[in-house]
Protein backbone atom coordinates (compact mmCIF):
# COMPACT_ATOMS: atom_id res chain seq x y z
CA MET A 1 -0.60 11.00 -19.69
CA THR A 2 0.53 7.98 -18.66
CA LEU A 3 0.79 6.46 -15.59
CA GLN A 4 4.48 5.57 -16.05
CA GLN A 5 5.07 9.23 -17.34
CA LEU A 6 3.06 10.34 -13.69
CA ALA A 7 5.08 7.57 -11.67
CA ASP A 8 8.62 9.45 -13.46
CA VAL A 9 8.04 12.71 -12.26
CA THR A 10 6.01 12.46 -8.65
CA SER A 11 8.29 9.17 -7.55
CA TYR A 12 5.66 6.73 -6.62
CA SER A 13 5.56 3.73 -8.11
CA ARG A 14 2.94 3.25 -11.21
CA GLY A 15 1.44 -0.23 -9.28
CA HIS A 16 0.49 2.72 -6.07
CA LEU A 17 -0.79 5.38 -8.56
CA SER A 18 -3.15 2.80 -9.90
CA LYS A 19 -4.48 1.59 -6.87
CA ILE A 20 -5.32 5.95 -6.35
CA GLU A 21 -6.58 5.48 -9.41
CA ARG A 22 -9.36 2.74 -9.14
CA GLY A 23 -9.71 4.07 -5.71
CA ALA A 24 -8.30 1.19 -3.53
CA ASN A 25 -5.76 3.65 -2.10
CA PRO A 26 -6.25 7.23 -0.84
CA PRO A 27 -4.52 9.86 -2.34
CA THR A 28 -2.03 11.62 -0.15
CA MET A 29 -1.50 14.88 0.14
CA HIS A 30 2.37 14.68 -0.78
CA LEU A 31 1.15 13.58 -3.80
CA ALA A 32 -1.23 16.52 -4.44
CA GLN A 33 1.55 18.58 -3.84
CA ARG A 34 4.07 16.92 -6.50
CA CYS A 35 1.29 17.10 -9.18
CA ASP A 36 1.00 20.44 -8.52
CA ALA A 37 4.76 20.91 -8.92
CA HIS A 38 4.50 19.32 -11.84
CA PHE A 39 1.74 20.63 -13.41
CA ARG A 40 2.07 24.17 -12.70
CA ALA A 41 -1.04 24.30 -10.90
CA GLY A 42 -0.56 27.76 -8.45
CA GLY A 43 -1.70 25.46 -5.31
CA ARG A 44 -4.82 24.35 -6.74
CA LEU A 45 -4.26 20.74 -6.59
CA ARG A 46 -3.61 21.09 -2.87
CA LYS A 47 -6.90 22.82 -2.20
CA MET A 48 -8.76 20.83 -3.87
CA TYR A 49 -7.03 17.91 -1.72
CA SER A 50 -7.72 19.60 1.74
CA ALA A 51 -11.38 20.66 0.17
CA GLU A 52 -11.60 16.74 -0.64
CA VAL A 53 -10.41 15.75 3.05
CA GLU A 54 -12.38 17.96 5.22
CA SER A 55 -15.61 17.26 3.52
CA ALA A 56 -14.80 13.08 3.82
CA GLY A 57 -13.96 14.24 7.35
CA SER A 58 -17.95 16.23 7.90
CA LYS A 59 -19.41 13.64 6.88
CA SER A 60 -22.00 11.65 9.63
CA SER A 61 -20.54 8.04 8.77
CA PRO A 62 -17.56 6.67 10.86
CA GLY A 63 -15.57 6.13 7.43
CA PRO A 64 -14.51 3.27 5.71
CA SER A 65 -14.09 -0.33 7.85
CA ARG A 66 -11.16 -1.69 7.78
CA GLY A 67 -10.18 -3.59 4.79
CA ALA A 68 -12.56 -1.61 2.69
CA ARG A 69 -11.78 -0.01 -0.12
CA TYR A 70 -11.64 4.05 -0.71
CA GLY A 71 -13.99 4.96 -3.24
CA SER A 72 -17.66 3.06 -3.59
CA GLY A 73 -17.15 0.57 -1.33
CA LEU A 74 -16.66 -2.25 -4.99
CA PRO A 75 -13.88 -3.85 -6.32
CA ALA A 76 -12.62 -1.48 -9.47
CA CYS A 77 -13.86 -4.65 -11.83
CA ARG A 78 -17.24 -3.99 -10.63
CA ARG A 79 -17.26 -0.03 -10.83
CA LEU A 80 -16.42 -0.08 -14.39
CA GLY A 81 -18.45 -2.49 -15.37
CA ARG A 82 -16.19 -5.69 -15.84
CA ARG A 83 -16.61 -9.67 -14.79
CA ARG A 84 -14.41 -10.49 -11.93
CA LYS A 85 -12.59 -13.44 -12.97
CA GLU A 86 -13.22 -16.33 -11.03
CA ARG A 87 -10.26 -18.09 -9.18
CA PRO A 88 -9.86 -21.76 -9.29
CA ARG A 89 -11.07 -23.24 -5.94
CA ARG A 90 -8.59 -25.18 -3.90
């Protein structure tokens, strides 16, 4: 299934789903519910989401700092082993 197909069935934009996939945005319970209904997972995706939220809340660290990315804390291109494009300096 492509991101566009998932976007069509969940009513989320392809760009937003891409950010979730890359770890730049966190997933939501609403998205888990939409995917659970579409894939007829019988509540398993919602349970997985709830378990992930609970385990993230039980960590001793206070959580990501403001502006930090979700996931590993690295930009997606670094997590995937790609080089970041250099931006021209002004």
